[in-house]
Amino acid sequence: MEPYEELTIQVPETYQGTVIEELGKRRGEMRHMRLIHSDVGTSEMHLEYHIPTRGIMGLKNILLAKTRGTVILHHVFSAYEPAEERDLLVTPHGSLVAYEDGSSTGYAIFMTQERGAMFIGPGVEVYRGMVIGQNSRDEDLDVNVCKEKHLSNMRASGSDEALVLTPPREMSLEFALEYIGGDELVEVTPQNLRLRKRLLNPDDRRKAKKSGK
């Protein structure tokens, strides 16, 4: 069995096709749809869906991006129903994965942040297999965020300039549950909230990928 919810969405009429397409990928069953005209001449669609709870995870951020922040969502638990074996057709993502144990450095974060959105800043204890960011490409990438800058007696031009670091994406339990892929886990402790790969060793992950497991 799995939990199902009643989902209500209100969105400008312009984006109804985008919303309906995304809900179809997530096994949402439309129960009701009506057009609402406002006093200022705009039109909005009111949509009601019956959808598995796992189909709602990640939905908010996706629709906010696709509707330019104009969507309004509300959902409430409905009932437990027989679980389906069909997977949801959610958008895949690639992760930036720590390659070794250690403490992240500002220099390594600066060199890595151009590859995607970071989930951590400098001075964070990481371990091999920990997800530390989202890759801009739909593939995983092992990175070394503990690398120190090599010092030399020769001072290069601009070497003393401060590194400009992009603030890391705020991590919450809701975001973590929305983000993880099929080979990833959420790790919750009293002190930390982390994302990690099921298989921490990169060689084990490559073998599992080749074997289709």
N, C-alpha and C. Protein backbone atom coordinates (compact mmCIF):
# COMPACT_ATOMS: atom_id res chain seq x y z
N MET A 1 0.84 -1.19 0.00
CA MET A 1 0.00 0.00 0.00
C MET A 1 0.88 1.25 0.00
N GLU A 2 0.33 2.33 -0.52
CA GLU A 2 1.04 3.61 -0.48
C GLU A 2 0.03 4.74 -0.27
N PRO A 3 0.47 5.86 0.32
CA PRO A 3 -0.45 6.96 0.59
C PRO A 3 -0.79 7.75 -0.67
N TYR A 4 -2.05 8.16 -0.76
CA TYR A 4 -2.52 9.03 -1.84
C TYR A 4 -3.05 10.33 -1.23
N GLU A 5 -3.03 11.40 -2.02
CA GLU A 5 -3.47 12.70 -1.53
C GLU A 5 -4.38 13.37 -2.54
N GLU A 6 -5.18 14.31 -2.03
CA GLU A 6 -5.99 15.16 -2.89
C GLU A 6 -5.21 16.46 -3.08
N LEU A 7 -4.92 16.78 -4.33
CA LEU A 7 -4.10 17.93 -4.68
C LEU A 7 -4.93 18.97 -5.41
N THR A 8 -4.86 20.21 -4.95
CA THR A 8 -5.55 21.32 -5.59
C THR A 8 -4.51 22.30 -6.12
N ILE A 9 -4.67 22.69 -7.38
CA ILE A 9 -3.74 23.61 -8.03
C ILE A 9 -4.52 24.74 -8.68
N GLN A 10 -4.01 25.95 -8.48
CA GLN A 10 -4.55 27.12 -9.18
C GLN A 10 -3.41 27.80 -9.90
N VAL A 11 -3.58 28.02 -11.19
CA VAL A 11 -2.49 28.53 -12.01
C VAL A 11 -3.06 29.34 -13.16
N PRO A 12 -2.35 30.39 -13.62
CA PRO A 12 -2.82 31.13 -14.80
C PRO A 12 -3.09 30.21 -15.98
N GLU A 13 -4.11 30.53 -16.74
CA GLU A 13 -4.54 29.67 -17.85
C GLU A 13 -3.40 29.38 -18.82
N THR A 14 -2.46 30.32 -18.95
CA THR A 14 -1.33 30.16 -19.87
C THR A 14 -0.52 28.91 -19.56
N TYR A 15 -0.44 28.54 -18.28
CA TYR A 15 0.44 27.43 -17.88
C TYR A 15 -0.31 26.12 -17.63
N GLN A 16 -1.57 26.04 -18.00
CA GLN A 16 -2.32 24.82 -17.70
C GLN A 16 -1.73 23.60 -18.39
N GLY A 17 -1.27 23.76 -19.63
CA GLY A 17 -0.68 22.63 -20.35
C GLY A 17 0.57 22.11 -19.67
N THR A 18 1.40 23.03 -19.17
CA THR A 18 2.63 22.64 -18.46
C THR A 18 2.31 21.85 -17.21
N VAL A 19 1.31 22.32 -16.45
CA VAL A 19 0.94 21.67 -15.20
C VAL A 19 0.34 20.29 -15.48
N ILE A 20 -0.56 20.20 -16.44
CA ILE A 20 -1.20 18.92 -16.77
C ILE A 20 -0.17 17.89 -17.24
N GLU A 21 0.81 18.33 -18.03
CA GLU A 21 1.85 17.43 -18.51
C GLU A 21 2.69 16.89 -17.35
N GLU A 22 3.07 17.76 -16.43
CA GLU A 22 3.90 17.34 -15.30
C GLU A 22 3.13 16.40 -14.37
N LEU A 23 1.86 16.67 -14.13
CA LEU A 23 1.07 15.80 -13.26
C LEU A 23 0.84 14.44 -13.90
N GLY A 24 0.76 14.40 -15.24
CA GLY A 24 0.62 13.12 -15.93
C GLY A 24 1.84 12.24 -15.73
N LYS A 25 3.03 12.83 -15.70
CA LYS A 25 4.26 12.07 -15.48
C LYS A 25 4.29 11.47 -14.07
N ARG A 26 3.59 12.13 -13.15
CA ARG A 26 3.64 11.72 -11.74
C ARG A 26 2.41 10.90 -11.34
N ARG A 27 1.71 10.35 -12.32
CA ARG A 27 0.56 9.47 -12.10
C ARG A 27 -0.59 10.18 -11.39
N GLY A 28 -0.72 11.49 -11.63
CA GLY A 28 -1.85 12.22 -11.07
C GLY A 28 -3.11 11.98 -11.90
N GLU A 29 -4.22 11.73 -11.24
CA GLU A 29 -5.51 11.51 -11.91
C GLU A 29 -6.38 12.76 -11.72
N MET A 30 -6.68 13.44 -12.82
CA MET A 30 -7.48 14.65 -12.72
C MET A 30 -8.92 14.31 -12.38
N ARG A 31 -9.44 14.98 -11.35
CA ARG A 31 -10.80 14.75 -10.90
C ARG A 31 -11.73 15.90 -11.30
N HIS A 32 -11.16 17.09 -11.42
CA HIS A 32 -12.01 18.25 -11.71
C HIS A 32 -11.15 19.37 -12.28
N MET A 33 -11.74 20.15 -13.20
CA MET A 33 -11.05 21.30 -13.78
C MET A 33 -12.09 22.36 -14.13
N ARG A 34 -11.79 23.60 -13.75
CA ARG A 34 -12.70 24.68 -14.12
C ARG A 34 -11.91 25.97 -14.33
N LEU A 35 -12.45 26.84 -15.16
CA LEU A 35 -11.83 28.12 -15.48
C LEU A 35 -12.43 29.21 -14.60
N ILE A 36 -11.55 30.02 -14.01
CA ILE A 36 -11.98 31.09 -13.12
C ILE A 36 -11.59 32.43 -13.74
N HIS A 37 -12.57 33.31 -13.92
CA HIS A 37 -12.31 34.65 -14.45
C HIS A 37 -12.28 35.64 -13.30
N SER A 38 -11.26 36.49 -13.27
CA SER A 38 -11.14 37.49 -12.22
C SER A 38 -11.73 38.82 -12.67
N ASP A 39 -11.87 39.73 -11.71
CA ASP A 39 -12.44 41.05 -12.01
C ASP A 39 -11.49 41.92 -12.82
N VAL A 40 -10.19 41.56 -12.85
CA VAL A 40 -9.20 42.38 -13.58
C VAL A 40 -8.96 41.84 -14.98
N GLY A 41 -9.76 40.87 -15.40
CA GLY A 41 -9.67 40.39 -16.77
C GLY A 41 -8.74 39.22 -17.00
N THR A 42 -8.14 38.66 -15.94
CA THR A 42 -7.27 37.51 -16.09
C THR A 42 -8.05 36.21 -15.86
N SER A 43 -7.51 35.12 -16.37
CA SER A 43 -8.16 33.82 -16.23
C SER A 43 -7.20 32.83 -15.57
N GLU A 44 -7.72 32.03 -14.64
CA GLU A 44 -6.92 31.02 -13.98
C GLU A 44 -7.65 29.68 -14.02
N MET A 45 -6.84 28.61 -14.01
CA MET A 45 -7.38 27.26 -14.01
C MET A 45 -7.34 26.71 -12.59
N HIS A 46 -8.44 26.12 -12.19
CA HIS A 46 -8.53 25.42 -10.90
C HIS A 46 -8.55 23.93 -11.20
N LEU A 47 -7.53 23.20 -10.75
CA LEU A 47 -7.37 21.79 -11.06
C LEU A 47 -7.37 20.98 -9.77
N GLU A 48 -8.05 19.84 -9.80
CA GLU A 48 -8.07 18.94 -8.65
C GLU A 48 -7.60 17.56 -9.10
N TYR A 49 -6.64 16.99 -8.33
CA TYR A 49 -6.03 15.71 -8.69
C TYR A 49 -6.06 14.74 -7.51
N HIS A 50 -6.08 13.46 -7.86
CA HIS A 50 -5.85 12.37 -6.92
C HIS A 50 -4.49 11.80 -7.30
N ILE A 51 -3.53 11.82 -6.37
CA ILE A 51 -2.14 11.54 -6.75
C ILE A 51 -1.41 10.84 -5.60
N PRO A 52 -0.50 9.90 -5.91
CA PRO A 52 0.29 9.28 -4.84
C PRO A 52 1.21 10.31 -4.19
N THR A 53 1.45 10.15 -2.91
CA THR A 53 2.28 11.11 -2.18
C THR A 53 3.66 11.25 -2.80
N ARG A 54 4.23 10.16 -3.28
CA ARG A 54 5.57 10.25 -3.88
C ARG A 54 5.56 11.08 -5.16
N GLY A 55 4.39 11.23 -5.78
CA GLY A 55 4.30 12.09 -6.95
C GLY A 55 4.34 13.56 -6.61
N ILE A 56 4.05 13.90 -5.36
CA ILE A 56 4.07 15.30 -4.94
C ILE A 56 5.47 15.74 -4.56
N MET A 57 6.31 14.79 -4.14
CA MET A 57 7.68 15.15 -3.76
C MET A 57 8.44 15.71 -4.96
N GLY A 58 8.92 16.93 -4.82
CA GLY A 58 9.63 17.60 -5.90
C GLY A 58 8.74 18.39 -6.82
N LEU A 59 7.42 18.22 -6.68
CA LEU A 59 6.48 18.89 -7.60
C LEU A 59 6.48 20.41 -7.41
N LYS A 60 6.53 20.85 -6.16
CA LYS A 60 6.43 22.29 -5.89
C LYS A 60 7.52 23.08 -6.59
N ASN A 61 8.77 22.65 -6.43
CA ASN A 61 9.88 23.38 -7.03
C ASN A 61 9.83 23.35 -8.56
N ILE A 62 9.42 22.20 -9.10
CA ILE A 62 9.32 22.08 -10.55
C ILE A 62 8.28 23.04 -11.11
N LEU A 63 7.08 23.06 -10.50
CA LEU A 63 6.01 23.92 -11.02
C LEU A 63 6.29 25.40 -10.77
N LEU A 64 6.93 25.73 -9.66
CA LEU A 64 7.29 27.13 -9.41
C LEU A 64 8.22 27.64 -10.50
N ALA A 65 9.15 26.78 -10.92
CA ALA A 65 10.08 27.17 -11.98
C ALA A 65 9.38 27.27 -13.33
N LYS A 66 8.51 26.31 -13.63
CA LYS A 66 7.87 26.28 -14.95
C LYS A 66 6.75 27.30 -15.11
N THR A 67 6.20 27.80 -13.98
CA THR A 67 5.11 28.79 -14.06
C THR A 67 5.56 30.17 -13.59
N ARG A 68 6.88 30.32 -13.43
CA ARG A 68 7.45 31.60 -12.99
C ARG A 68 6.85 32.06 -11.65
N GLY A 69 6.68 31.11 -10.76
CA GLY A 69 6.24 31.41 -9.41
C GLY A 69 4.78 31.75 -9.25
N THR A 70 3.95 31.46 -10.26
CA THR A 70 2.54 31.86 -10.20
C THR A 70 1.60 30.76 -9.75
N VAL A 71 2.10 29.56 -9.53
CA VAL A 71 1.24 28.44 -9.16
C VAL A 71 0.95 28.43 -7.66
N ILE A 72 -0.25 27.99 -7.29
CA ILE A 72 -0.64 27.82 -5.90
C ILE A 72 -1.05 26.37 -5.71
N LEU A 73 -0.43 25.68 -4.73
CA LEU A 73 -0.71 24.27 -4.50
C LEU A 73 -1.18 24.04 -3.08
N HIS A 74 -2.07 23.08 -2.94
CA HIS A 74 -2.48 22.62 -1.61
C HIS A 74 -2.79 21.14 -1.71
N HIS A 75 -2.29 20.35 -0.76
CA HIS A 75 -2.57 18.91 -0.80
C HIS A 75 -2.82 18.40 0.61
N VAL A 76 -3.65 17.37 0.70
CA VAL A 76 -4.02 16.78 1.98
C VAL A 76 -4.15 15.27 1.81
N PHE A 77 -3.77 14.53 2.83
CA PHE A 77 -3.82 13.06 2.78
C PHE A 77 -5.25 12.58 2.53
N SER A 78 -5.37 11.57 1.67
CA SER A 78 -6.68 11.01 1.35
C SER A 78 -6.85 9.61 1.92
N ALA A 79 -6.00 8.67 1.47
CA ALA A 79 -6.14 7.28 1.92
C ALA A 79 -4.94 6.47 1.45
N TYR A 80 -4.82 5.25 1.99
CA TYR A 80 -3.83 4.29 1.49
C TYR A 80 -4.50 3.42 0.44
N GLU A 81 -3.80 3.26 -0.68
CA GLU A 81 -4.32 2.46 -1.77
C GLU A 81 -3.23 1.51 -2.26
N PRO A 82 -3.59 0.47 -3.01
CA PRO A 82 -2.58 -0.47 -3.51
C PRO A 82 -1.47 0.24 -4.30
N ALA A 83 -0.24 -0.09 -3.97
CA ALA A 83 0.90 0.55 -4.63
C ALA A 83 1.07 -0.01 -6.04
N GLU A 84 1.44 0.88 -6.95
CA GLU A 84 1.73 0.48 -8.33
C GLU A 84 3.22 0.30 -8.51
N GLU A 85 3.58 -0.64 -9.37
CA GLU A 85 4.99 -0.90 -9.62
C GLU A 85 5.59 0.09 -10.60
N ARG A 86 4.74 0.80 -11.34
CA ARG A 86 5.25 1.77 -12.32
C ARG A 86 6.00 2.90 -11.61
N ASP A 87 7.17 3.25 -12.14
CA ASP A 87 7.93 4.37 -11.60
C ASP A 87 7.36 5.68 -12.11
N LEU A 88 7.60 6.74 -11.34
CA LEU A 88 7.21 8.07 -11.78
C LEU A 88 8.20 8.57 -12.82
N LEU A 89 7.71 9.27 -13.82
CA LEU A 89 8.58 9.79 -14.88
C LEU A 89 9.09 11.17 -14.51
N VAL A 90 9.86 11.23 -13.41
CA VAL A 90 10.36 12.52 -12.93
C VAL A 90 11.63 12.89 -13.70
N THR A 91 11.94 14.17 -13.69
CA THR A 91 13.12 14.67 -14.40
C THR A 91 14.38 14.19 -13.71
N PRO A 92 15.31 13.54 -14.42
CA PRO A 92 16.54 13.07 -13.79
C PRO A 92 17.47 14.22 -13.42
N HIS A 93 18.40 13.96 -12.52
CA HIS A 93 19.38 14.97 -12.15
C HIS A 93 20.72 14.30 -11.95
N GLY A 94 21.76 15.10 -11.99
CA GLY A 94 23.10 14.62 -11.70
C GLY A 94 23.61 15.27 -10.42
N SER A 95 24.39 14.52 -9.64
CA SER A 95 24.87 15.02 -8.36
C SER A 95 26.38 15.22 -8.38
N LEU A 96 26.85 16.17 -7.58
CA LEU A 96 28.27 16.35 -7.30
C LEU A 96 28.55 15.54 -6.04
N VAL A 97 29.47 14.60 -6.12
CA VAL A 97 29.70 13.64 -5.03
C VAL A 97 31.12 13.79 -4.52
N ALA A 98 31.27 13.86 -3.19
CA ALA A 98 32.59 13.98 -2.58
C ALA A 98 33.43 12.75 -2.89
N TYR A 99 34.68 12.99 -3.27
CA TYR A 99 35.56 11.90 -3.69
C TYR A 99 36.36 11.33 -2.53
N GLU A 100 36.53 12.13 -1.43
CA GLU A 100 37.32 11.66 -0.30
C GLU A 100 36.81 12.25 1.00
N ASP A 101 37.27 11.68 2.12
CA ASP A 101 36.92 12.19 3.44
C ASP A 101 37.77 13.43 3.76
N GLY A 102 37.20 14.32 4.55
CA GLY A 102 37.97 15.49 4.96
C GLY A 102 37.09 16.69 5.23
N SER A 103 37.71 17.86 5.26
CA SER A 103 37.00 19.12 5.50
C SER A 103 37.05 19.95 4.23
N SER A 104 35.91 20.45 3.78
CA SER A 104 35.85 21.23 2.55
C SER A 104 36.61 22.55 2.71
N THR A 105 37.24 22.98 1.64
CA THR A 105 38.01 24.22 1.66
C THR A 105 37.38 25.24 0.70
N GLY A 106 37.63 26.53 1.00
CA GLY A 106 37.10 27.58 0.14
C GLY A 106 37.65 27.49 -1.27
N TYR A 107 38.91 27.14 -1.40
CA TYR A 107 39.54 27.02 -2.72
C TYR A 107 38.87 25.92 -3.54
N ALA A 108 38.65 24.74 -2.92
CA ALA A 108 38.04 23.63 -3.64
C ALA A 108 36.59 23.94 -3.99
N ILE A 109 35.85 24.58 -3.08
CA ILE A 109 34.47 24.97 -3.37
C ILE A 109 34.44 25.94 -4.53
N PHE A 110 35.35 26.89 -4.55
CA PHE A 110 35.43 27.88 -5.64
C PHE A 110 35.67 27.20 -6.98
N MET A 111 36.53 26.19 -7.00
CA MET A 111 36.85 25.49 -8.23
C MET A 111 35.72 24.56 -8.67
N THR A 112 34.84 24.18 -7.75
CA THR A 112 33.78 23.22 -8.05
C THR A 112 32.45 23.90 -8.39
N GLN A 113 32.20 25.10 -7.82
CA GLN A 113 30.88 25.71 -7.92
C GLN A 113 30.45 26.04 -9.34
N GLU A 114 31.39 26.16 -10.26
CA GLU A 114 31.03 26.43 -11.65
C GLU A 114 30.37 25.21 -12.32
N ARG A 115 30.48 24.07 -11.69
CA ARG A 115 29.91 22.84 -12.25
C ARG A 115 28.45 22.64 -11.86
N GLY A 116 27.95 23.42 -10.91
CA GLY A 116 26.56 23.26 -10.50
C GLY A 116 26.26 24.03 -9.23
N ALA A 117 25.18 23.66 -8.56
CA ALA A 117 24.74 24.31 -7.32
C ALA A 117 25.28 23.54 -6.13
N MET A 118 25.95 24.24 -5.21
CA MET A 118 26.54 23.59 -4.05
C MET A 118 25.55 23.50 -2.91
N PHE A 119 25.66 22.41 -2.14
CA PHE A 119 24.83 22.22 -0.94
C PHE A 119 25.61 22.54 0.33
N ILE A 120 26.92 22.71 0.22
CA ILE A 120 27.77 22.98 1.40
C ILE A 120 28.67 24.18 1.10
N GLY A 121 29.24 24.74 2.17
CA GLY A 121 30.23 25.79 2.07
C GLY A 121 31.57 25.27 2.58
N PRO A 122 32.55 26.14 2.76
CA PRO A 122 33.85 25.71 3.28
C PRO A 122 33.78 25.35 4.76
N GLY A 123 34.72 24.49 5.19
CA GLY A 123 34.79 24.10 6.60
C GLY A 123 33.77 23.07 7.02
N VAL A 124 33.23 22.31 6.07
CA VAL A 124 32.23 21.28 6.37
C VAL A 124 32.89 19.91 6.27
N GLU A 125 32.68 19.07 7.29
CA GLU A 125 33.21 17.71 7.25
C GLU A 125 32.40 16.87 6.26
N VAL A 126 33.09 16.28 5.29
CA VAL A 126 32.43 15.47 4.27
C VAL A 126 33.08 14.09 4.26
N TYR A 127 32.41 13.15 3.61
CA TYR A 127 32.96 11.81 3.47
C TYR A 127 32.72 11.32 2.04
N ARG A 128 33.51 10.35 1.64
CA ARG A 128 33.40 9.82 0.28
C ARG A 128 32.01 9.24 0.04
N GLY A 129 31.39 9.68 -1.06
CA GLY A 129 30.05 9.22 -1.38
C GLY A 129 28.97 10.18 -0.94
N MET A 130 29.34 11.23 -0.22
CA MET A 130 28.36 12.23 0.22
C MET A 130 28.02 13.16 -0.94
N VAL A 131 26.75 13.44 -1.13
CA VAL A 131 26.30 14.36 -2.18
C VAL A 131 26.47 15.78 -1.67
N ILE A 132 27.30 16.57 -2.34
CA ILE A 132 27.60 17.92 -1.85
C ILE A 132 27.08 19.01 -2.81
N GLY A 133 26.39 18.61 -3.88
CA GLY A 133 25.84 19.59 -4.81
C GLY A 133 25.10 18.92 -5.94
N GLN A 134 24.46 19.74 -6.77
CA GLN A 134 23.75 19.24 -7.94
C GLN A 134 24.52 19.63 -9.19
N ASN A 135 24.87 18.65 -9.99
CA ASN A 135 25.60 18.90 -11.23
C ASN A 135 24.70 19.62 -12.23
N SER A 136 25.27 20.51 -13.02
CA SER A 136 24.50 21.21 -14.04
C SER A 136 24.12 20.27 -15.17
N ARG A 137 24.78 19.12 -15.26
CA ARG A 137 24.44 18.10 -16.24
C ARG A 137 23.73 16.94 -15.55
N ASP A 138 22.99 16.16 -16.33
CA ASP A 138 22.22 15.04 -15.78
C ASP A 138 23.09 13.79 -15.62
N GLU A 139 24.22 13.95 -14.95
CA GLU A 139 25.10 12.83 -14.67
C GLU A 139 25.87 13.12 -13.39
N ASP A 140 26.22 12.07 -12.67
CA ASP A 140 26.97 12.24 -11.42
C ASP A 140 28.43 12.56 -11.72
N LEU A 141 29.04 13.33 -10.82
CA LEU A 141 30.44 13.71 -10.99
C LEU A 141 31.11 13.67 -9.63
N ASP A 142 32.20 12.88 -9.52
CA ASP A 142 32.98 12.83 -8.28
C ASP A 142 33.95 14.02 -8.26
N VAL A 143 33.92 14.77 -7.17
CA VAL A 143 34.76 15.97 -7.05
C VAL A 143 35.49 15.96 -5.72
N ASN A 144 36.63 16.64 -5.69
CA ASN A 144 37.42 16.76 -4.47
C ASN A 144 37.21 18.16 -3.88
N VAL A 145 36.39 18.25 -2.83
CA VAL A 145 36.11 19.55 -2.21
C VAL A 145 37.00 19.79 -0.99
N CYS A 146 37.99 18.92 -0.79
CA CYS A 146 38.91 19.07 0.34
C CYS A 146 40.30 19.53 -0.12
N LYS A 147 40.42 19.81 -1.40
CA LYS A 147 41.73 20.16 -1.97
C LYS A 147 42.21 21.51 -1.46
N GLU A 148 43.47 21.58 -1.05
CA GLU A 148 44.09 22.82 -0.60
C GLU A 148 44.81 23.48 -1.77
N LYS A 149 44.90 24.80 -1.72
CA LYS A 149 45.63 25.53 -2.75
C LYS A 149 47.12 25.37 -2.51
N HIS A 150 47.88 24.99 -3.56
CA HIS A 150 49.32 24.83 -3.44
C HIS A 150 49.98 26.19 -3.32
N LEU A 151 50.84 26.34 -2.30
CA LEU A 151 51.53 27.59 -2.07
C LEU A 151 52.92 27.53 -2.69
N SER A 152 53.40 28.66 -3.15
CA SER A 152 54.74 28.73 -3.73
C SER A 152 55.38 30.04 -3.31
N ASN A 153 56.69 30.15 -3.53
CA ASN A 153 57.41 31.38 -3.18
C ASN A 153 57.11 32.51 -4.16
N MET A 154 56.63 32.15 -5.34
CA MET A 154 56.33 33.16 -6.37
C MET A 154 54.88 33.59 -6.20
N ARG A 155 54.65 34.90 -6.13
CA ARG A 155 53.29 35.42 -5.96
C ARG A 155 52.73 35.78 -7.34
N ALA A 156 51.70 35.08 -7.76
CA ALA A 156 51.10 35.34 -9.06
C ALA A 156 50.18 36.53 -8.98
N SER A 157 49.97 37.18 -10.13
CA SER A 157 49.08 38.34 -10.18
C SER A 157 47.67 37.93 -9.81
N GLY A 158 47.08 38.64 -8.84
CA GLY A 158 45.70 38.36 -8.43
C GLY A 158 45.58 37.22 -7.45
N SER A 159 46.70 36.64 -7.00
CA SER A 159 46.62 35.49 -6.12
C SER A 159 46.12 35.86 -4.74
N ASP A 160 46.23 37.14 -4.37
CA ASP A 160 45.80 37.57 -3.04
C ASP A 160 44.35 38.02 -3.01
N GLU A 161 43.70 38.00 -4.16
CA GLU A 161 42.31 38.42 -4.20
C GLU A 161 41.42 37.38 -3.51
N ALA A 162 40.40 37.86 -2.82
CA ALA A 162 39.50 36.95 -2.11
C ALA A 162 38.68 36.15 -3.11
N LEU A 163 38.45 34.89 -2.78
CA LEU A 163 37.62 34.04 -3.62
C LEU A 163 36.15 34.40 -3.40
N VAL A 164 35.39 34.50 -4.48
CA VAL A 164 33.97 34.82 -4.39
C VAL A 164 33.19 33.51 -4.45
N LEU A 165 32.58 33.15 -3.33
CA LEU A 165 31.85 31.90 -3.25
C LEU A 165 30.35 32.15 -3.32
N THR A 166 29.67 31.35 -4.12
CA THR A 166 28.21 31.43 -4.20
C THR A 166 27.61 30.77 -2.96
N PRO A 167 26.68 31.42 -2.26
CA PRO A 167 26.08 30.79 -1.07
C PRO A 167 25.48 29.44 -1.41
N PRO A 168 25.70 28.43 -0.57
CA PRO A 168 25.14 27.09 -0.85
C PRO A 168 23.63 27.10 -0.77
N ARG A 169 23.01 26.17 -1.49
CA ARG A 169 21.56 26.04 -1.47
C ARG A 169 21.12 25.56 -0.08
N GLU A 170 20.10 26.20 0.46
CA GLU A 170 19.63 25.85 1.80
C GLU A 170 19.06 24.43 1.80
N MET A 171 19.52 23.64 2.75
CA MET A 171 19.10 22.25 2.84
C MET A 171 18.01 22.09 3.90
N SER A 172 16.90 21.52 3.52
CA SER A 172 15.82 21.21 4.45
C SER A 172 15.42 19.77 4.22
N LEU A 173 14.68 19.20 5.16
CA LEU A 173 14.25 17.80 5.00
C LEU A 173 13.33 17.67 3.80
N GLU A 174 12.46 18.65 3.59
CA GLU A 174 11.55 18.60 2.45
C GLU A 174 12.33 18.62 1.14
N PHE A 175 13.32 19.52 1.04
CA PHE A 175 14.12 19.60 -0.18
C PHE A 175 14.90 18.30 -0.39
N ALA A 176 15.47 17.74 0.69
CA ALA A 176 16.25 16.51 0.57
C ALA A 176 15.40 15.37 0.04
N LEU A 177 14.18 15.22 0.56
CA LEU A 177 13.30 14.15 0.11
C LEU A 177 12.87 14.37 -1.34
N GLU A 178 12.70 15.64 -1.73
CA GLU A 178 12.34 15.95 -3.11
C GLU A 178 13.50 15.64 -4.06
N TYR A 179 14.72 15.85 -3.59
CA TYR A 179 15.88 15.81 -4.47
C TYR A 179 16.35 14.39 -4.80
N ILE A 180 16.41 13.51 -3.82
CA ILE A 180 17.13 12.24 -3.99
C ILE A 180 16.63 11.41 -5.16
N GLY A 181 17.60 10.77 -5.82
CA GLY A 181 17.29 9.84 -6.90
C GLY A 181 17.21 8.42 -6.36
N GLY A 182 17.05 7.47 -7.26
CA GLY A 182 16.88 6.08 -6.87
C GLY A 182 18.10 5.48 -6.20
N ASP A 183 19.29 6.04 -6.44
CA ASP A 183 20.51 5.49 -5.84
C ASP A 183 21.03 6.38 -4.72
N GLU A 184 20.17 7.23 -4.17
CA GLU A 184 20.60 8.17 -3.13
C GLU A 184 19.73 8.04 -1.88
N LEU A 185 20.27 8.47 -0.75
CA LEU A 185 19.60 8.38 0.54
C LEU A 185 19.68 9.73 1.26
N VAL A 186 18.74 9.94 2.18
CA VAL A 186 18.79 11.09 3.08
C VAL A 186 19.28 10.59 4.43
N GLU A 187 20.31 11.23 4.96
CA GLU A 187 20.88 10.86 6.25
C GLU A 187 20.52 11.93 7.27
N VAL A 188 19.78 11.56 8.31
CA VAL A 188 19.33 12.51 9.32
C VAL A 188 19.91 12.12 10.67
N THR A 189 20.63 13.04 11.30
CA THR A 189 21.16 12.84 12.65
C THR A 189 20.77 14.06 13.48
N PRO A 190 20.96 14.01 14.81
CA PRO A 190 20.63 15.19 15.62
C PRO A 190 21.40 16.44 15.23
N GLN A 191 22.59 16.27 14.65
CA GLN A 191 23.42 17.43 14.29
C GLN A 191 23.38 17.79 12.81
N ASN A 192 23.08 16.84 11.94
CA ASN A 192 23.25 17.07 10.51
C ASN A 192 22.12 16.49 9.67
N LEU A 193 21.97 17.09 8.51
CA LEU A 193 21.08 16.58 7.47
C LEU A 193 21.92 16.49 6.20
N ARG A 194 22.13 15.28 5.71
CA ARG A 194 23.01 15.07 4.57
C ARG A 194 22.33 14.23 3.50
N LEU A 195 22.89 14.32 2.31
CA LEU A 195 22.52 13.43 1.20
C LEU A 195 23.72 12.56 0.89
N ARG A 196 23.47 11.33 0.50
CA ARG A 196 24.58 10.43 0.20
C ARG A 196 24.14 9.42 -0.85
N LYS A 197 25.12 8.80 -1.47
CA LYS A 197 24.86 7.70 -2.38
C LYS A 197 24.65 6.42 -1.58
N ARG A 198 23.80 5.52 -2.11
CA ARG A 198 23.64 4.22 -1.45
C ARG A 198 24.98 3.49 -1.38
N LEU A 199 25.71 3.51 -2.48
CA LEU A 199 27.04 2.92 -2.53
C LEU A 199 28.06 4.05 -2.44
N LEU A 200 28.83 4.09 -1.37
CA LEU A 200 29.75 5.20 -1.14
C LEU A 200 30.98 5.12 -2.04
N ASN A 201 31.41 3.90 -2.34
CA ASN A 201 32.61 3.73 -3.16
C ASN A 201 32.29 3.98 -4.63
N PRO A 202 33.01 4.91 -5.28
CA PRO A 202 32.71 5.21 -6.70
C PRO A 202 32.90 4.01 -7.62
N ASP A 203 33.84 3.12 -7.29
CA ASP A 203 34.03 1.91 -8.11
C ASP A 203 32.81 1.00 -8.01
N ASP A 204 32.24 0.88 -6.82
CA ASP A 204 31.04 0.06 -6.64
C ASP A 204 29.87 0.66 -7.41
N ARG A 205 29.77 1.98 -7.46
CA ARG A 205 28.68 2.63 -8.19
C ARG A 205 28.81 2.39 -9.69
N ARG A 206 30.03 2.45 -10.19
CA ARG A 206 30.24 2.21 -11.62
C ARG A 206 29.90 0.76 -11.99
N LYS A 207 30.28 -0.19 -11.13
CA LYS A 207 29.97 -1.60 -11.40
C LYS A 207 28.47 -1.82 -11.37
N ALA A 208 27.79 -1.19 -10.40
CA ALA A 208 26.34 -1.35 -10.29
C ALA A 208 25.64 -0.76 -11.50
N LYS A 209 26.16 0.36 -12.01
CA LYS A 209 25.56 1.00 -13.18
C LYS A 209 25.71 0.11 -14.42
N LYS A 210 26.87 -0.52 -14.56
CA LYS A 210 27.11 -1.39 -15.71
C LYS A 210 26.22 -2.63 -15.66
N SER A 211 26.00 -3.13 -14.45
CA SER A 211 25.20 -4.34 -14.31
C SER A 211 23.70 -4.04 -14.29
N GLY A 212 23.36 -2.73 -14.27
CA GLY A 212 21.96 -2.35 -14.29
C GLY A 212 21.25 -2.46 -12.97
N LYS A 213 22.00 -2.60 -11.87
CA LYS A 213 21.39 -2.73 -10.54
C LYS A 213 21.22 -1.36 -9.91
